[in-house]
C-alpha atoms as a PDB file:
ATOM      1  CA  MET A   1      41.532 -26.633  98.711  1.00  0.00           C
ATOM      2  CA  LYS A   2      42.871 -23.742 100.784  1.00  0.00           C
ATOM      3  CA  LYS A   3      45.692 -24.802 103.060  1.00  0.00           C
ATOM      4  CA  ILE A   4      45.542 -24.337 106.714  1.00  0.00           C
ATOM      5  CA  LYS A   5      48.254 -21.786 107.765  1.00  0.00           C
ATOM      6  CA  VAL A   6      50.069 -22.873 111.004  1.00  0.00           C
ATOM      7  CA  PHE A   7      52.291 -20.429 112.884  1.00  0.00           C
ATOM      8  CA  ILE A   8      54.740 -21.953 115.401  1.00  0.00           C
ATOM      9  CA  SER A   9      55.552 -19.544 118.368  1.00  0.00           C
ATOM     10  CA  TYR A  10      58.391 -20.632 120.639  1.00  0.00           C
ATOM     11  CA  ALA A  11      61.379 -19.258 122.508  1.00  0.00           C
ATOM     12  CA  TRP A  12      65.009 -19.979 121.542  1.00  0.00           C
ATOM     13  CA  GLU A  13      65.910 -22.125 124.574  1.00  0.00           C
ATOM     14  CA  SER A  14      68.966 -23.641 123.040  1.00  0.00           C
ATOM     15  CA  LEU A  15      70.373 -24.796 119.676  1.00  0.00           C
ATOM     16  CA  GLU A  16      69.221 -28.323 120.399  1.00  0.00           C
ATOM     17  CA  TYR A  17      65.673 -27.125 121.187  1.00  0.00           C
ATOM     18  CA  LYS A  18      65.598 -24.976 117.953  1.00  0.00           C
ATOM     19  CA  THR A  19      66.386 -28.209 116.072  1.00  0.00           C
ATOM     20  CA  ARG A  20      63.486 -29.970 117.813  1.00  0.00           C
ATOM     21  CA  VAL A  21      61.140 -27.171 116.922  1.00  0.00           C
ATOM     22  CA  TRP A  22      62.298 -27.374 113.272  1.00  0.00           C
ATOM     23  CA  GLU A  23      61.766 -31.078 113.266  1.00  0.00           C
ATOM     24  CA  LEU A  24      58.284 -30.624 114.469  1.00  0.00           C
ATOM     25  CA  ALA A  25      57.553 -28.106 111.581  1.00  0.00           C
ATOM     26  CA  GLU A  26      59.004 -30.632 109.015  1.00  0.00           C
ATOM     27  CA  TRP A  27      56.934 -33.446 110.557  1.00  0.00           C
ATOM     28  CA  LEU A  28      53.653 -31.624 110.358  1.00  0.00           C
ATOM     29  CA  LEU A  29      54.503 -30.526 106.822  1.00  0.00           C
ATOM     30  CA  GLU A  30      55.372 -34.142 105.803  1.00  0.00           C
ATOM     31  CA  HIS A  31      52.305 -35.619 107.480  1.00  0.00           C
ATOM     32  CA  GLY A  32      49.830 -32.807 106.695  1.00  0.00           C
ATOM     33  CA  LYS A  33      48.665 -34.509 103.436  1.00  0.00           C
ATOM     34  CA  ASN A  34      49.641 -31.328 101.516  1.00  0.00           C
ATOM     35  CA  ARG A  35      46.921 -29.454 103.477  1.00  0.00           C
ATOM     36  CA  LEU A  36      49.177 -27.347 105.724  1.00  0.00           C
ATOM     37  CA  GLU A  37      51.346 -24.182 105.352  1.00  0.00           C
ATOM     38  CA  ILE A  38      53.750 -24.108 108.198  1.00  0.00           C
ATOM     39  CA  VAL A  39      55.219 -20.676 109.210  1.00  0.00           C
ATOM     40  CA  ILE A  40      58.269 -20.445 111.463  1.00  0.00           C
ATOM     41  CA  ASP A  41      60.797 -17.848 112.129  1.00  0.00           C
ATOM     42  CA  GLN A  42      63.780 -20.187 111.279  1.00  0.00           C
ATOM     43  CA  GLU A  43      63.043 -19.715 107.574  1.00  0.00           C
ATOM     44  CA  TYR A  44      64.471 -16.253 108.148  1.00  0.00           C
ATOM     45  CA  GLU A  45      67.543 -17.253 110.090  1.00  0.00           C
ATOM     46  CA  ASN A  46      69.969 -15.519 107.654  1.00  0.00           C
ATOM     47  CA  LYS A  47      67.839 -12.748 106.373  1.00  0.00           C
ATOM     48  CA  ALA A  48      65.077 -10.972 108.248  1.00  0.00           C
ATOM     49  CA  PRO A  49      61.460 -10.626 106.737  1.00  0.00           C
ATOM     50  CA  ARG A  50      61.267  -7.695 104.297  1.00  0.00           C
ATOM     51  CA  GLU A  51      58.643  -5.972 106.506  1.00  0.00           C
ATOM     52  CA  GLY A  52      60.710  -6.355 109.626  1.00  0.00           C
ATOM     53  CA  TRP A  53      60.287  -8.687 112.624  1.00  0.00           C
ATOM     54  CA  PRO A  54      57.602  -6.696 114.519  1.00  0.00           C
ATOM     55  CA  VAL A  55      55.213  -6.436 111.590  1.00  0.00           C
ATOM     56  CA  TRP A  56      55.898 -10.054 110.475  1.00  0.00           C
ATOM     57  CA  MET A  57      55.242 -11.502 113.958  1.00  0.00           C
ATOM     58  CA  ALA A  58      52.060  -9.427 114.356  1.00  0.00           C
ATOM     59  CA  THR A  59      50.879 -10.541 110.953  1.00  0.00           C
ATOM     60  CA  GLN A  60      51.399 -14.171 111.585  1.00  0.00           C
ATOM     61  CA  VAL A  61      49.524 -14.102 114.872  1.00  0.00           C
ATOM     62  CA  LYS A  62      46.637 -12.291 113.164  1.00  0.00           C
ATOM     63  CA  VAL A  63      46.420 -14.134 109.738  1.00  0.00           C
ATOM     64  CA  CYS A  64      47.437 -17.748 110.528  1.00  0.00           C
ATOM     65  CA  ASP A  65      44.554 -20.240 111.211  1.00  0.00           C
ATOM     66  CA  ILE A  66      46.357 -21.981 113.996  1.00  0.00           C
ATOM     67  CA  VAL A  67      49.072 -20.782 116.352  1.00  0.00           C
ATOM     68  CA  LEU A  68      51.043 -23.701 118.028  1.00  0.00           C
ATOM     69  CA  ILE A  69      52.403 -22.131 121.306  1.00  0.00           C
ATOM     70  CA  LEU A  70      55.333 -24.308 122.631  1.00  0.00           C
ATOM     71  CA  CYS A  71      55.509 -23.535 126.289  1.00  0.00           C
ATOM     72  CA  THR A  72      58.849 -23.675 128.104  1.00  0.00           C
ATOM     73  CA  PRO A  73      60.342 -21.796 130.968  1.00  0.00           C
ATOM     74  CA  LYS A  74      61.683 -18.990 128.751  1.00  0.00           C
ATOM     75  CA  TYR A  75      58.530 -18.835 126.760  1.00  0.00           C
ATOM     76  CA  LEU A  76      56.428 -18.179 129.888  1.00  0.00           C
ATOM     77  CA  SER A  77      58.918 -15.684 131.364  1.00  0.00           C
ATOM     78  CA  ARG A  78      58.900 -13.669 128.104  1.00  0.00           C
ATOM     79  CA  PHE A  79      55.124 -14.048 127.348  1.00  0.00           C
ATOM     80  CA  GLU A  80      54.296 -12.672 130.829  1.00  0.00           C
ATOM     81  CA  LYS A  81      57.018  -9.897 130.532  1.00  0.00           C
ATOM     82  CA  ASN A  82      59.048 -11.217 133.459  1.00  0.00           C
ATOM     83  CA  GLU A  83      62.372 -11.451 131.391  1.00  0.00           C
ATOM     84  CA  GLU A  84      65.361  -8.939 131.738  1.00  0.00           C
ATOM     85  CA  PRO A  85      64.855  -5.813 129.633  1.00  0.00           C
ATOM     86  CA  GLY A  86      65.877  -6.233 125.960  1.00  0.00           C
ATOM     87  CA  VAL A  87      65.931 -10.169 126.224  1.00  0.00           C
ATOM     88  CA  GLY A  88      63.467 -12.304 124.228  1.00  0.00           C
ATOM     89  CA  LEU A  89      61.598  -9.440 122.599  1.00  0.00           C
ATOM     90  CA  GLY A  90      60.126 -11.710 119.933  1.00  0.00           C
ATOM     91  CA  VAL A  91      58.062 -13.757 122.349  1.00  0.00           C
ATOM     92  CA  THR A  92      57.126 -10.843 124.436  1.00  0.00           C
ATOM     93  CA  PHE A  93      55.670  -9.097 121.319  1.00  0.00           C
ATOM     94  CA  GLU A  94      54.002 -12.190 120.248  1.00  0.00           C
ATOM     95  CA  GLY A  95      52.482 -12.718 123.643  1.00  0.00           C
ATOM     96  CA  ALA A  96      51.021  -9.211 123.643  1.00  0.00           C
ATOM     97  CA  ASN A  97      49.467  -9.861 120.234  1.00  0.00           C
ATOM     98  CA  ILE A  98      48.040 -13.219 121.308  1.00  0.00           C
ATOM     99  CA  THR A  99      46.639 -11.716 124.550  1.00  0.00           C
ATOM    100  CA  GLN A 100      44.939  -8.984 122.545  1.00  0.00           C
ATOM    101  CA  GLU A 101      43.498 -11.461 120.017  1.00  0.00           C
ATOM    102  CA  LEU A 102      41.922 -13.330 122.777  1.00  0.00           C
ATOM    103  CA  TYR A 103      40.579 -10.241 124.357  1.00  0.00           C
ATOM    104  CA  ASN A 104      39.075  -9.147 121.109  1.00  0.00           C
ATOM    105  CA  ALA A 105      37.502 -12.496 120.747  1.00  0.00           C
ATOM    106  CA  GLN A 106      36.015 -12.297 124.270  1.00  0.00           C
ATOM    107  CA  MET A 107      38.107 -15.402 125.152  1.00  0.00           C
ATOM    108  CA  GLN A 108      36.497 -17.678 122.619  1.00  0.00           C
ATOM    109  CA  ASN A 109      39.448 -19.510 121.203  1.00  0.00           C
ATOM    110  CA  GLU A 110      39.915 -22.156 118.526  1.00  0.00           C
ATOM    111  CA  LYS A 111      43.213 -20.665 117.315  1.00  0.00           C
ATOM    112  CA  PHE A 112      45.879 -20.473 120.030  1.00  0.00           C
ATOM    113  CA  CYS A 113      46.944 -24.060 121.143  1.00  0.00           C
ATOM    114  CA  PRO A 114      49.462 -24.507 124.116  1.00  0.00           C
ATOM    115  CA  ILE A 115      51.879 -27.478 123.526  1.00  0.00           C
ATOM    116  CA  VAL A 116      54.609 -28.817 125.855  1.00  0.00           C
ATOM    117  CA  PRO A 117      57.812 -30.720 124.935  1.00  0.00           C
ATOM    118  CA  ASP A 118      57.859 -34.332 126.052  1.00  0.00           C
ATOM    119  CA  ASP A 119      60.412 -33.387 128.793  1.00  0.00           C
ATOM    120  CA  GLY A 120      58.671 -30.188 129.595  1.00  0.00           C
ATOM    121  CA  ASP A 121      56.097 -29.207 132.293  1.00  0.00           C
ATOM    122  CA  ARG A 122      52.599 -27.872 131.902  1.00  0.00           C
ATOM    123  CA  LYS A 123      53.282 -25.197 134.594  1.00  0.00           C
ATOM    124  CA  TYR A 124      54.951 -23.224 132.003  1.00  0.00           C
ATOM    125  CA  ILE A 125      51.822 -22.617 130.064  1.00  0.00           C
ATOM    126  CA  PRO A 126      50.943 -18.948 130.356  1.00  0.00           C
ATOM    127  CA  THR A 127      47.999 -18.278 132.557  1.00  0.00           C
ATOM    128  CA  ILE A 128      45.827 -16.840 129.806  1.00  0.00           C
ATOM    129  CA  LEU A 129      46.216 -20.091 127.782  1.00  0.00           C
ATOM    130  CA  ARG A 130      45.762 -22.679 130.465  1.00  0.00           C
ATOM    131  CA  ALA A 131      41.990 -22.798 129.839  1.00  0.00           C
ATOM    132  CA  TYR A 132      42.640 -24.159 126.404  1.00  0.00           C
ATOM    133  CA  ASP A 133      45.235 -26.751 127.419  1.00  0.00           C
ATOM    134  CA  ASN A 134      44.302 -30.154 126.024  1.00  0.00           C
ATOM    135  CA  SER A 135      47.432 -32.077 127.105  1.00  0.00           C
ATOM    136  CA  HIS A 136      49.273 -31.781 123.783  1.00  0.00           C
ATOM    137  CA  THR A 137      53.038 -32.718 123.699  1.00  0.00           C
ATOM    138  CA  PHE A 138      55.828 -32.991 121.062  1.00  0.00           C
ATOM    139  CA  PRO A 139      57.217 -35.114 119.593  1.00  0.00           C
ATOM    140  CA  SER A 140      55.382 -38.086 121.074  1.00  0.00           C
ATOM    141  CA  GLY A 141      52.151 -36.447 120.561  1.00  0.00           C
ATOM    142  CA  ASN A 142      52.680 -35.232 117.017  1.00  0.00           C
ATOM    143  CA  GLU A 143      49.668 -37.231 115.637  1.00  0.00           C
ATOM    144  CA  ARG A 144      47.281 -35.655 118.203  1.00  0.00           C
ATOM    145  CA  ILE A 145      48.542 -32.233 117.285  1.00  0.00           C
ATOM    146  CA  LEU A 146      47.805 -32.863 113.652  1.00  0.00           C
ATOM    147  CA  LYS A 147      44.359 -34.188 114.517  1.00  0.00           C
ATOM    148  CA  MET A 148      43.798 -30.932 116.553  1.00  0.00           C
ATOM    149  CA  ILE A 149      44.888 -28.779 113.607  1.00  0.00           C
ATOM    150  CA  PHE A 150      42.337 -30.696 111.352  1.00  0.00           C
ATOM    151  CA  ASP A 151      39.624 -30.363 114.092  1.00  0.00           C
ATOM    152  CA  ASP A 152      39.397 -34.094 114.001  1.00  0.00           C
ATOM    153  CA  ASN A 153      37.449 -34.773 117.234  1.00  0.00           C
ATOM    154  CA  PRO A 154      35.927 -38.281 117.544  1.00  0.00           C
ATOM    155  CA  LYS A 155      32.160 -38.493 117.000  1.00  0.00           C
ATOM    156  CA  LEU A 156      30.284 -40.823 119.284  1.00  0.00           C
ATOM    157  CA  GLY A 157      28.752 -43.711 117.448  1.00  0.00           C
ATOM    158  CA  SER A 158      30.372 -42.852 114.074  1.00  0.00           C
ATOM    159  CA  LYS A 159      33.728 -42.761 112.281  1.00  0.00           C
ATOM    160  CA  ASN A 160      34.729 -40.629 109.458  1.00  0.00           C
ATOM    161  CA  ILE A 161      36.177 -42.174 106.249  1.00  0.00           C
ATOM    162  CA  SER A 162      39.771 -41.252 107.203  1.00  0.00           C
ATOM    163  CA  GLN A 163      39.439 -42.874 110.561  1.00  0.00           C
ATOM    164  CA  ILE A 164      38.077 -46.110 108.988  1.00  0.00           C
ATOM    165  CA  SER A 165      41.035 -46.124 106.614  1.00  0.00           C
ATOM    166  CA  VAL A 166      43.428 -45.746 109.608  1.00  0.00           C
ATOM    167  CA  ASP A 167      41.800 -48.492 111.463  1.00  0.00           C
ATOM    168  CA  ALA A 168      41.956 -50.835 108.427  1.00  0.00           C
ATOM    169  CA  SER A 169      45.586 -50.089 107.978  1.00  0.00           C
ATOM    170  CA  LYS A 170      46.241 -50.873 111.645  1.00  0.00           C
ATOM    171  CA  GLU A 171      44.395 -54.089 111.353  1.00  0.00           C
ATOM    172  CA  LYS A 172      46.426 -55.035 108.232  1.00  0.00           C
ATOM    173  CA  VAL A 173      49.741 -54.353 109.891  1.00  0.00           C
ATOM    174  CA  ALA A 174      48.858 -56.151 113.013  1.00  0.00           C
ATOM    175  CA  GLU A 175      47.891 -59.202 111.099  1.00  0.00           C
ATOM    176  CA  GLU A 176      51.255 -58.906 109.098  1.00  0.00           C
ATOM    177  CA  ILE A 177      53.101 -58.727 112.372  1.00  0.00           C
ATOM    178  CA  VAL A 178      51.251 -61.768 113.970  1.00  0.00           C
ATOM    179  CA  THR A 179      51.969 -63.839 110.799  1.00  0.00           C
ATOM    180  CA  ILE A 180      55.513 -63.091 110.804  1.00  0.00           C
ATOM    181  CA  ILE A 181      56.131 -63.694 114.476  1.00  0.00           C
ATOM    182  CA  ILE A 182      54.180 -67.014 114.292  1.00  0.00           C
ATOM    183  CA  ALA A 183      56.122 -68.162 111.333  1.00  0.00           C
ATOM    184  CA  ASN A 184      59.524 -67.319 112.651  1.00  0.00           C
ATOM    185  CA  VAL A 185      59.044 -68.733 116.194  1.00  0.00           C
ATOM    186  CA  GLY A 186      57.304 -71.779 114.893  1.00  0.00           C
ATOM    187  CA  ALA A 187      54.238 -71.328 117.083  1.00  0.00           C
ATOM    188  CA  LYS A 188      52.222 -74.527 116.406  1.00  0.00           C
ATOM    189  CA  LYS A 189      50.077 -74.541 119.492  1.00  0.00           C
ATOM    190  CA  PRO A 190      46.699 -72.587 119.183  1.00  0.00           C
ATOM    191  CA  SER A 191      47.282 -71.142 122.614  1.00  0.00           C
ATOM    192  CA  MET A 192      50.655 -69.652 121.519  1.00  0.00           C
ATOM    193  CA  LYS A 193      49.135 -68.293 118.341  1.00  0.00           C
ATOM    194  CA  GLN A 194      46.374 -66.699 120.374  1.00  0.00           C
ATOM    195  CA  ALA A 195      48.837 -65.205 122.862  1.00  0.00           C
ATOM    196  CA  ILE A 196      50.915 -63.617 120.037  1.00  0.00           C
ATOM    197  CA  GLY A 197      47.748 -62.138 118.392  1.00  0.00           C
ATOM    198  CA  GLU A 198      46.341 -60.807 121.772  1.00  0.00           C
ATOM    199  CA  MET A 199      49.662 -59.118 122.673  1.00  0.00           C
ATOM    200  CA  VAL A 200      49.808 -57.429 119.201  1.00  0.00           C
ATOM    201  CA  ARG A 201      46.265 -56.259 119.571  1.00  0.00           C
ATOM    202  CA  ASN A 202      46.857 -55.054 123.054  1.00  0.00           C
ATOM    203  CA  TYR A 203      49.971 -53.024 121.725  1.00  0.00           C
ATOM    204  CA  PHE A 204      47.872 -51.391 119.068  1.00  0.00           C
ATOM    205  CA  GLU A 205      45.279 -50.269 121.455  1.00  0.00           C
ATOM    206  CA  LEU A 206      47.900 -48.157 123.394  1.00  0.00           C
ATOM    207  CA  SER A 207      48.300 -44.390 122.692  1.00  0.00           C
ATOM    208  CA  ASP A 208      51.603 -43.282 121.023  1.00  0.00           C
ATOM    209  CA  PRO A 209      53.051 -42.138 124.414  1.00  0.00           C
ATOM    210  CA  GLN A 210      52.143 -45.390 125.953  1.00  0.00           C
ATOM    211  CA  LYS A 211      53.699 -47.376 123.169  1.00  0.00           C
ATOM    212  CA  LYS A 212      56.819 -45.326 123.609  1.00  0.00           C
ATOM    213  CA  ALA A 213      56.886 -46.024 127.303  1.00  0.00           C
ATOM    214  CA  ALA A 214      56.493 -49.744 126.698  1.00  0.00           C
ATOM    215  CA  VAL A 215      59.215 -49.890 124.136  1.00  0.00           C
ATOM    216  CA  THR A 216      61.579 -47.817 126.211  1.00  0.00           C
ATOM    217  CA  SER A 217      61.008 -50.022 129.269  1.00  0.00           C
ATOM    218  CA  VAL A 218      62.291 -53.049 127.331  1.00  0.00           C
ATOM    219  CA  GLY A 219      65.457 -50.976 126.141  1.00  0.00           C
ATOM    220  CA  ILE A 220      64.746 -50.899 122.314  1.00  0.00           C
ATOM    221  CA  TYR A 221      63.438 -47.326 121.854  1.00  0.00           C
ATOM    222  CA  GLU A 222      65.454 -45.585 119.116  1.00  0.00           C
ATOM    223  CA  SER A 223      65.377 -41.830 118.406  1.00  0.00           C
ATOM    224  CA  ASN A 224      64.654 -42.429 114.712  1.00  0.00           C
ATOM    225  CA  PHE A 225      61.261 -44.142 115.646  1.00  0.00           C
ATOM    226  CA  ASP A 226      59.801 -40.503 116.045  1.00  0.00           C
ATOM    227  CA  SER A 227      60.572 -39.798 112.331  1.00  0.00           C
ATOM    228  CA  LEU A 228      58.836 -42.906 110.922  1.00  0.00           C
ATOM    229  CA  VAL A 229      55.240 -43.242 109.851  1.00  0.00           C
ATOM    230  CA  PRO A 230      53.525 -44.680 112.945  1.00  0.00           C
ATOM    231  CA  LEU A 231      52.601 -48.039 111.421  1.00  0.00           C
ATOM    232  CA  GLU A 232      56.008 -48.570 109.900  1.00  0.00           C
ATOM    233  CA  ARG A 233      57.427 -47.631 113.159  1.00  0.00           C
ATOM    234  CA  ASP A 234      55.280 -50.346 114.840  1.00  0.00           C
ATOM    235  CA  LYS A 235      56.472 -52.943 112.414  1.00  0.00           C
ATOM    236  CA  LYS A 236      60.081 -52.061 112.993  1.00  0.00           C
ATOM    237  CA  ILE A 237      59.533 -52.337 116.772  1.00  0.00           C
ATOM    238  CA  PHE A 238      58.241 -55.871 116.504  1.00  0.00           C
ATOM    239  CA  GLU A 239      61.083 -56.948 114.236  1.00  0.00           C
ATOM    240  CA  ILE A 240      63.464 -55.760 116.901  1.00  0.00           C
ATOM    241  CA  VAL A 241      61.359 -57.395 119.673  1.00  0.00           C
ATOM    242  CA  HIS A 242      61.505 -60.787 117.698  1.00  0.00           C
ATOM    243  CA  GLU A 243      65.119 -60.449 116.679  1.00  0.00           C
ATOM    244  CA  LYS A 244      66.262 -59.873 120.354  1.00  0.00           C
ATOM    245  CA  GLN A 245      63.768 -62.395 121.764  1.00  0.00           C
ATOM    246  CA  LEU A 246      61.982 -59.871 123.862  1.00  0.00           C
ATOM    247  CA  LEU A 247      58.365 -61.065 123.425  1.00  0.00           C
ATOM    248  CA  ALA A 248      58.041 -61.787 127.158  1.00  0.00           C
ATOM    249  CA  GLU A 249      59.498 -58.437 128.213  1.00  0.00           C
ATOM    250  CA  LEU A 250      57.189 -56.536 125.868  1.00  0.00           C
ATOM    251  CA  TRP A 251      54.158 -58.476 127.100  1.00  0.00           C
ATOM    252  CA  THR A 252      54.997 -57.500 130.630  1.00  0.00           C
ATOM    253  CA  ALA A 253      55.479 -53.784 129.660  1.00  0.00           C
ATOM    254  CA  ILE A 254      51.997 -53.695 127.902  1.00  0.00           C
ATOM    255  CA  ALA A 255      50.364 -55.621 130.789  1.00  0.00           C
ATOM    256  CA  LYS A 256      51.720 -53.082 133.212  1.00  0.00           C
ATOM    257  CA  ILE A 257      50.241 -50.150 131.266  1.00  0.00           C
ATOM    258  CA  ASN A 258      46.945 -51.998 130.901  1.00  0.00           C
ATOM    259  CA  ASN A 259      46.836 -53.027 134.590  1.00  0.00           C
ATOM    260  CA  LYS A 260      46.898 -56.715 133.639  1.00  0.00           C
ATOM    261  CA  GLU A 261      50.054 -57.720 135.444  1.00  0.00           C
ATOM    262  CA  ALA A 262      48.277 -60.309 137.390  1.00  0.00           C
ATOM    263  CA  GLU A 263      47.772 -62.398 134.227  1.00  0.00           C
ATOM    264  CA  THR A 264      50.160 -65.195 133.429  1.00  0.00           C
ATOM    265  CA  ASN A 265      52.881 -64.134 130.938  1.00  0.00           C
ATOM    266  CA  PRO A 266      52.412 -66.740 128.060  1.00  0.00           C
ATOM    267  CA  PHE A 267      55.942 -66.123 126.869  1.00  0.00           C
ATOM    268  CA  LYS A 268      57.711 -67.187 129.960  1.00  0.00           C
END
């Protein structure tokens, strides 16, 4: 099977940001089921491409199947040629090539995908790319980015095999979490068992950004969660919630997101 070639276009905002972009590349490669080839300039940090940077950049924009465009203030400034002369030439050159590719395709686009960092702002998406903005973020939205790369849009009334497998795995992990919590807290009342099961199910219905918000609000979010496989991350979160006796707090956080704050908290 031919691999999908993905080019990451971004501006060097800072050393910390470069590291975050590299981590995105590694995450996609790790979770891409051996179906992705990730292209990023940091692979040439110590030695430039043999053909030189201009040819290399133009080639990647042209031949890669997907171009992830990480939109930040510096990226926008350079893409739209508003930077000081001689600064940020790489993004300026890539921006010109991307614009030309869109022009040649009569603005029909399935290749160039704007993405914003979690702490960024969508106003920094270049004007020509805003029509293709689908609210992608990283790292909290890495899973959606992967689905976008694989063109994995939901089909009304049906599920593909991979989605059925994911749903089955979620159900299994949810059952494991409920069983462990019930065993450890000694929940003998049917009402308590039902409350635990309902809270876990409500948690699994949240999107990844919503899960992160809930966990952050109860003070147990850890930076290493982003590097974990989602289901393993969820198990770890509930282990910490149980260990620190934060079932009531997590229930409140989930209820707030689901607009169910009026319901009685069964853990208080």
